[in-house]
């Protein structure tokens, strides 16, 4: 998909980022263009889904700070 959008050299993989002394694992990471994603196989209820969305938002914010990209 990134290749179709004009990024033929983009590489996507897992990444661990250190931020303020804590490690954050990102399941789907590409630095150029900045792509952040999480993989969740099962959600039991709406509350668990909300927690997973919050987790993703936190990792997006951290990746933006670390890479200096938005």
PDB file of N, CA and C in Angstrom:
ATOM      1  N   UNK A   1       0.817  -1.182   0.000  1.00  0.00           N
ATOM      2  CA  UNK A   1       0.000   0.000   0.000  1.00  0.00           C
ATOM      3  C   UNK A   1       0.874   1.265   0.000  1.00  0.00           C
ATOM      4  N   UNK A   2       1.936   1.259   0.818  1.00  0.00           N
ATOM      5  CA  UNK A   2       2.826   2.420   0.833  1.00  0.00           C
ATOM      6  C   UNK A   2       3.504   2.618  -0.523  1.00  0.00           C
ATOM      7  N   UNK A   3       3.830   1.527  -1.170  1.00  0.00           N
ATOM      8  CA  UNK A   3       4.434   1.631  -2.498  1.00  0.00           C
ATOM      9  C   UNK A   3       3.461   2.302  -3.465  1.00  0.00           C
ATOM     10  N   UNK A   4       2.193   1.916  -3.397  1.00  0.00           N
ATOM     11  CA  UNK A   4       1.180   2.528  -4.257  1.00  0.00           C
ATOM     12  C   UNK A   4       1.022   4.021  -3.975  1.00  0.00           C
ATOM     13  N   UNK A   5       1.312   4.442  -2.745  1.00  0.00           N
ATOM     14  CA  UNK A   5       1.203   5.850  -2.371  1.00  0.00           C
ATOM     15  C   UNK A   5       2.464   6.655  -2.688  1.00  0.00           C
ATOM     16  N   UNK A   6       3.450   5.979  -3.312  1.00  0.00           N
ATOM     17  CA  UNK A   6       4.657   6.690  -3.718  1.00  0.00           C
ATOM     18  C   UNK A   6       5.855   6.505  -2.797  1.00  0.00           C
ATOM     19  N   UNK A   7       5.813   5.478  -1.959  1.00  0.00           N
ATOM     20  CA  UNK A   7       6.923   5.191  -1.047  1.00  0.00           C
ATOM     21  C   UNK A   7       7.473   3.791  -1.314  1.00  0.00           C
ATOM     22  N   UNK A   8       8.131   3.589  -2.465  1.00  0.00           N
ATOM     23  CA  UNK A   8       8.601   2.242  -2.818  1.00  0.00           C
ATOM     24  C   UNK A   8       9.686   1.704  -1.887  1.00  0.00           C
ATOM     25  N   UNK A   9      10.409   2.578  -1.203  1.00  0.00           N
ATOM     26  CA  UNK A   9      11.492   2.140  -0.317  1.00  0.00           C
ATOM     27  C   UNK A   9      11.047   1.979   1.140  1.00  0.00           C
ATOM     28  N   UNK A  10       9.777   2.238   1.442  1.00  0.00           N
ATOM     29  CA  UNK A  10       9.279   2.162   2.825  1.00  0.00           C
ATOM     30  C   UNK A  10       9.399   0.738   3.363  1.00  0.00           C
ATOM     31  N   UNK A  11       9.847   0.633   4.593  1.00  0.00           N
ATOM     32  CA  UNK A  11       9.991  -0.659   5.267  1.00  0.00           C
ATOM     33  C   UNK A  11       9.159  -0.632   6.545  1.00  0.00           C
ATOM     34  N   UNK A  12       8.329  -1.637   6.710  1.00  0.00           N
ATOM     35  CA  UNK A  12       7.438  -1.730   7.863  1.00  0.00           C
ATOM     36  C   UNK A  12       7.849  -2.927   8.703  1.00  0.00           C
ATOM     37  N   UNK A  13       7.904  -2.744  10.021  1.00  0.00           N
ATOM     38  CA  UNK A  13       8.256  -3.834  10.918  1.00  0.00           C
ATOM     39  C   UNK A  13       7.889  -3.475  12.347  1.00  0.00           C
ATOM     40  N   UNK A  14       8.332  -4.297  13.272  1.00  0.00           N
ATOM     41  CA  UNK A  14       8.117  -4.027  14.690  1.00  0.00           C
ATOM     42  C   UNK A  14       9.234  -3.130  15.197  1.00  0.00           C
ATOM     43  N   UNK A  15       8.915  -2.352  16.226  1.00  0.00           N
ATOM     44  CA  UNK A  15       9.923  -1.445  16.787  1.00  0.00           C
ATOM     45  C   UNK A  15       9.649  -1.243  18.269  1.00  0.00           C
ATOM     46  N   UNK A  16      10.703  -1.112  19.027  1.00  0.00           N
ATOM     47  CA  UNK A  16      10.591  -0.769  20.442  1.00  0.00           C
ATOM     48  C   UNK A  16      11.229   0.595  20.631  1.00  0.00           C
ATOM     49  N   UNK A  17      10.482   1.501  21.265  1.00  0.00           N
ATOM     50  CA  UNK A  17      10.975   2.851  21.492  1.00  0.00           C
ATOM     51  C   UNK A  17      11.157   3.077  22.982  1.00  0.00           C
ATOM     52  N   UNK A  18      12.240   3.734  23.344  1.00  0.00           N
ATOM     53  CA  UNK A  18      12.499   4.112  24.738  1.00  0.00           C
ATOM     54  C   UNK A  18      12.087   5.564  24.898  1.00  0.00           C
ATOM     55  N   UNK A  19      11.154   5.799  25.826  1.00  0.00           N
ATOM     56  CA  UNK A  19      10.649   7.146  26.047  1.00  0.00           C
ATOM     57  C   UNK A  19      10.488   7.382  27.537  1.00  0.00           C
ATOM     58  N   UNK A  20      11.213   8.355  28.044  1.00  0.00           N
ATOM     59  CA  UNK A  20      11.176   8.713  29.461  1.00  0.00           C
ATOM     60  C   UNK A  20      11.402   7.498  30.357  1.00  0.00           C
ATOM     61  N   UNK A  21      12.386   6.681  29.969  1.00  0.00           N
ATOM     62  CA  UNK A  21      12.781   5.534  30.775  1.00  0.00           C
ATOM     63  C   UNK A  21      11.888   4.317  30.651  1.00  0.00           C
ATOM     64  N   UNK A  22      10.915   4.343  29.765  1.00  0.00           N
ATOM     65  CA  UNK A  22       9.991   3.215  29.602  1.00  0.00           C
ATOM     66  C   UNK A  22      10.016   2.728  28.154  1.00  0.00           C
ATOM     67  N   UNK A  23       9.964   1.405  27.971  1.00  0.00           N
ATOM     68  CA  UNK A  23       9.945   0.822  26.635  1.00  0.00           C
ATOM     69  C   UNK A  23       8.518   0.680  26.133  1.00  0.00           C
ATOM     70  N   UNK A  24       8.316   1.054  24.863  1.00  0.00           N
ATOM     71  CA  UNK A  24       7.011   0.929  24.220  1.00  0.00           C
ATOM     72  C   UNK A  24       7.189   0.105  22.952  1.00  0.00           C
ATOM     73  N   UNK A  25       6.472  -1.005  22.860  1.00  0.00           N
ATOM     74  CA  UNK A  25       6.540  -1.845  21.674  1.00  0.00           C
ATOM     75  C   UNK A  25       5.472  -1.389  20.684  1.00  0.00           C
ATOM     76  N   UNK A  26       5.899  -1.226  19.444  1.00  0.00           N
ATOM     77  CA  UNK A  26       4.978  -0.865  18.366  1.00  0.00           C
ATOM     78  C   UNK A  26       4.969  -2.018  17.374  1.00  0.00           C
ATOM     79  N   UNK A  27       3.788  -2.566  17.138  1.00  0.00           N
ATOM     80  CA  UNK A  27       3.654  -3.743  16.272  1.00  0.00           C
ATOM     81  C   UNK A  27       3.864  -3.433  14.794  1.00  0.00           C
ATOM     82  N   UNK A  28       3.420  -2.260  14.353  1.00  0.00           N
ATOM     83  CA  UNK A  28       3.554  -1.853  12.954  1.00  0.00           C
ATOM     84  C   UNK A  28       4.203  -0.474  12.953  1.00  0.00           C
ATOM     85  N   UNK A  29       5.434  -0.395  12.427  1.00  0.00           N
ATOM     86  CA  UNK A  29       6.184   0.865  12.460  1.00  0.00           C
ATOM     87  C   UNK A  29       6.902   1.081  11.139  1.00  0.00           C
ATOM     88  N   UNK A  30       6.757   2.282  10.613  1.00  0.00           N
ATOM     89  CA  UNK A  30       7.525   2.730   9.451  1.00  0.00           C
ATOM     90  C   UNK A  30       7.910   4.174   9.738  1.00  0.00           C
ATOM     91  N   UNK A  31       9.172   4.498   9.573  1.00  0.00           N
ATOM     92  CA  UNK A  31       9.610   5.862   9.895  1.00  0.00           C
ATOM     93  C   UNK A  31       9.390   6.854   8.763  1.00  0.00           C
ATOM     94  N   UNK A  32       9.470   6.402   7.521  1.00  0.00           N
ATOM     95  CA  UNK A  32       9.300   7.327   6.407  1.00  0.00           C
ATOM     96  C   UNK A  32       8.472   6.683   5.306  1.00  0.00           C
ATOM     97  N   UNK A  33       7.184   6.987   5.237  1.00  0.00           N
ATOM     98  CA  UNK A  33       6.427   7.936   6.042  1.00  0.00           C
ATOM     99  C   UNK A  33       6.124   7.346   7.412  1.00  0.00           C
ATOM    100  N   UNK A  34       5.858   8.202   8.370  1.00  0.00           N
ATOM    101  CA  UNK A  34       5.578   7.720   9.723  1.00  0.00           C
ATOM    102  C   UNK A  34       4.240   6.992   9.746  1.00  0.00           C
ATOM    103  N   UNK A  35       4.305   5.696  10.043  1.00  0.00           N
ATOM    104  CA  UNK A  35       3.115   4.847  10.154  1.00  0.00           C
ATOM    105  C   UNK A  35       3.231   4.094  11.462  1.00  0.00           C
ATOM    106  N   UNK A  36       2.189   4.156  12.274  1.00  0.00           N
ATOM    107  CA  UNK A  36       2.149   3.476  13.560  1.00  0.00           C
ATOM    108  C   UNK A  36       0.890   2.632  13.606  1.00  0.00           C
ATOM    109  N   UNK A  37       1.009   1.384  14.037  1.00  0.00           N
ATOM    110  CA  UNK A  37      -0.165   0.520  14.151  1.00  0.00           C
ATOM    111  C   UNK A  37       0.005  -0.489  15.264  1.00  0.00           C
ATOM    112  N   UNK A  38      -1.105  -0.995  15.728  1.00  0.00           N
ATOM    113  CA  UNK A  38      -1.107  -2.040  16.749  1.00  0.00           C
ATOM    114  C   UNK A  38      -1.946  -3.202  16.238  1.00  0.00           C
ATOM    115  N   UNK A  39      -1.582  -4.384  16.635  1.00  0.00           N
ATOM    116  CA  UNK A  39      -2.304  -5.577  16.233  1.00  0.00           C
ATOM    117  C   UNK A  39      -2.969  -6.178  17.466  1.00  0.00           C
ATOM    118  N   UNK A  40      -4.283  -6.324  17.391  1.00  0.00           N
ATOM    119  CA  UNK A  40      -5.048  -6.925  18.479  1.00  0.00           C
ATOM    120  C   UNK A  40      -5.924  -8.010  17.867  1.00  0.00           C
ATOM    121  N   UNK A  41      -5.829  -9.215  18.398  1.00  0.00           N
ATOM    122  CA  UNK A  41      -6.567 -10.331  17.822  1.00  0.00           C
ATOM    123  C   UNK A  41      -7.984 -10.463  18.347  1.00  0.00           C
ATOM    124  N   UNK A  42      -8.216 -10.005  19.573  1.00  0.00           N
ATOM    125  CA  UNK A  42      -9.532 -10.215  20.169  1.00  0.00           C
ATOM    126  C   UNK A  42      -9.850  -9.098  21.154  1.00  0.00           C
ATOM    127  N   UNK A  43     -11.061  -8.591  21.063  1.00  0.00           N
ATOM    128  CA  UNK A  43     -11.542  -7.590  22.014  1.00  0.00           C
ATOM    129  C   UNK A  43     -12.814  -8.131  22.646  1.00  0.00           C
ATOM    130  N   UNK A  44     -12.826  -8.191  23.972  1.00  0.00           N
ATOM    131  CA  UNK A  44     -13.976  -8.769  24.670  1.00  0.00           C
ATOM    132  C   UNK A  44     -15.172  -7.831  24.750  1.00  0.00           C
ATOM    133  N   UNK A  45     -14.890  -6.527  24.857  1.00  0.00           N
ATOM    134  CA  UNK A  45     -15.990  -5.582  25.033  1.00  0.00           C
ATOM    135  C   UNK A  45     -15.540  -4.183  24.635  1.00  0.00           C
ATOM    136  N   UNK A  46     -16.452  -3.242  24.738  1.00  0.00           N
ATOM    137  CA  UNK A  46     -16.174  -1.870  24.336  1.00  0.00           C
ATOM    138  C   UNK A  46     -15.073  -1.259  25.197  1.00  0.00           C
ATOM    139  N   UNK A  47     -15.062  -1.548  26.471  1.00  0.00           N
ATOM    140  CA  UNK A  47     -14.033  -0.993  27.358  1.00  0.00           C
ATOM    141  C   UNK A  47     -12.636  -1.444  26.938  1.00  0.00           C
ATOM    142  N   UNK A  48     -12.504  -2.699  26.590  1.00  0.00           N
ATOM    143  CA  UNK A  48     -11.201  -3.196  26.135  1.00  0.00           C
ATOM    144  C   UNK A  48     -10.816  -2.528  24.813  1.00  0.00           C
ATOM    145  N   UNK A  49     -11.776  -2.301  23.939  1.00  0.00           N
ATOM    146  CA  UNK A  49     -11.506  -1.611  22.674  1.00  0.00           C
ATOM    147  C   UNK A  49     -11.027  -0.186  22.930  1.00  0.00           C
ATOM    148  N   UNK A  50     -11.657   0.500  23.879  1.00  0.00           N
ATOM    149  CA  UNK A  50     -11.245   1.857  24.225  1.00  0.00           C
ATOM    150  C   UNK A  50      -9.814   1.874  24.757  1.00  0.00           C
ATOM    151  N   UNK A  51      -9.458   0.891  25.580  1.00  0.00           N
ATOM    152  CA  UNK A  51      -8.092   0.801  26.108  1.00  0.00           C
ATOM    153  C   UNK A  51      -7.080   0.611  24.984  1.00  0.00           C
ATOM    154  N   UNK A  52      -7.430  -0.204  24.005  1.00  0.00           N
ATOM    155  CA  UNK A  52      -6.529  -0.448  22.877  1.00  0.00           C
ATOM    156  C   UNK A  52      -6.370   0.811  22.019  1.00  0.00           C
ATOM    157  N   UNK A  53      -7.432   1.562  21.829  1.00  0.00           N
ATOM    158  CA  UNK A  53      -7.338   2.818  21.073  1.00  0.00           C
ATOM    159  C   UNK A  53      -6.461   3.810  21.834  1.00  0.00           C
ATOM    160  N   UNK A  54      -6.642   3.898  23.146  1.00  0.00           N
ATOM    161  CA  UNK A  54      -5.805   4.785  23.967  1.00  0.00           C
ATOM    162  C   UNK A  54      -4.335   4.380  23.880  1.00  0.00           C
ATOM    163  N   UNK A  55      -4.075   3.078  23.882  1.00  0.00           N
ATOM    164  CA  UNK A  55      -2.709   2.548  23.767  1.00  0.00           C
ATOM    165  C   UNK A  55      -2.099   2.984  22.422  1.00  0.00           C
ATOM    166  N   UNK A  56      -2.867   2.887  21.357  1.00  0.00           N
ATOM    167  CA  UNK A  56      -2.388   3.287  20.040  1.00  0.00           C
ATOM    168  C   UNK A  56      -2.102   4.788  19.998  1.00  0.00           C
ATOM    169  N   UNK A  57      -3.004   5.591  20.537  1.00  0.00           N
ATOM    170  CA  UNK A  57      -2.808   7.044  20.549  1.00  0.00           C
ATOM    171  C   UNK A  57      -1.536   7.411  21.310  1.00  0.00           C
ATOM    172  N   UNK A  58      -1.285   6.765  22.433  1.00  0.00           N
ATOM    173  CA  UNK A  58      -0.078   7.019  23.226  1.00  0.00           C
ATOM    174  C   UNK A  58       1.175   6.715  22.406  1.00  0.00           C
ATOM    175  N   UNK A  59       1.171   5.594  21.699  1.00  0.00           N
ATOM    176  CA  UNK A  59       2.332   5.213  20.900  1.00  0.00           C
ATOM    177  C   UNK A  59       2.533   6.157  19.712  1.00  0.00           C
ATOM    178  N   UNK A  60       1.450   6.643  19.145  1.00  0.00           N
ATOM    179  CA  UNK A  60       1.563   7.630  18.062  1.00  0.00           C
ATOM    180  C   UNK A  60       2.229   8.898  18.588  1.00  0.00           C
ATOM    181  N   UNK A  61       1.773   9.378  19.724  1.00  0.00           N
ATOM    182  CA  UNK A  61       2.344  10.591  20.314  1.00  0.00           C
ATOM    183  C   UNK A  61       3.830  10.415  20.616  1.00  0.00           C
ATOM    184  N   UNK A  62       4.203   9.275  21.166  1.00  0.00           N
ATOM    185  CA  UNK A  62       5.610   8.996  21.482  1.00  0.00           C
ATOM    186  C   UNK A  62       6.444   8.952  20.208  1.00  0.00           C
ATOM    187  N   UNK A  63       5.968   8.252  19.195  1.00  0.00           N
ATOM    188  CA  UNK A  63       6.712   8.142  17.937  1.00  0.00           C
ATOM    189  C   UNK A  63       6.881   9.507  17.288  1.00  0.00           C
ATOM    190  N   UNK A  64       5.859  10.350  17.359  1.00  0.00           N
ATOM    191  CA  UNK A  64       5.970  11.698  16.790  1.00  0.00           C
ATOM    192  C   UNK A  64       7.041  12.513  17.507  1.00  0.00           C
ATOM    193  N   UNK A  65       7.097  12.410  18.823  1.00  0.00           N
ATOM    194  CA  UNK A  65       8.109  13.142  19.590  1.00  0.00           C
ATOM    195  C   UNK A  65       9.501  12.629  19.256  1.00  0.00           C
ATOM    196  N   UNK A  66       9.670  11.333  19.264  1.00  0.00           N
ATOM    197  CA  UNK A  66      10.994  10.732  19.041  1.00  0.00           C
ATOM    198  C   UNK A  66      11.497  10.998  17.624  1.00  0.00           C
ATOM    199  N   UNK A  67      10.615  10.855  16.634  1.00  0.00           N
ATOM    200  CA  UNK A  67      11.058  11.025  15.232  1.00  0.00           C
ATOM    201  C   UNK A  67      11.003  12.474  14.768  1.00  0.00           C
ATOM    202  N   UNK A  68      10.257  13.308  15.493  1.00  0.00           N
ATOM    203  CA  UNK A  68      10.089  14.695  15.065  1.00  0.00           C
ATOM    204  C   UNK A  68       9.157  14.837  13.867  1.00  0.00           C
ATOM    205  N   UNK A  69       8.382  13.784  13.611  1.00  0.00           N
ATOM    206  CA  UNK A  69       7.453  13.792  12.474  1.00  0.00           C
ATOM    207  C   UNK A  69       6.021  13.697  12.976  1.00  0.00           C
ATOM    208  N   UNK A  70       5.091  14.158  12.144  1.00  0.00           N
ATOM    209  CA  UNK A  70       3.667  14.024  12.479  1.00  0.00           C
ATOM    210  C   UNK A  70       2.938  13.318  11.372  1.00  0.00           C
TER     211      UNK A  70
END
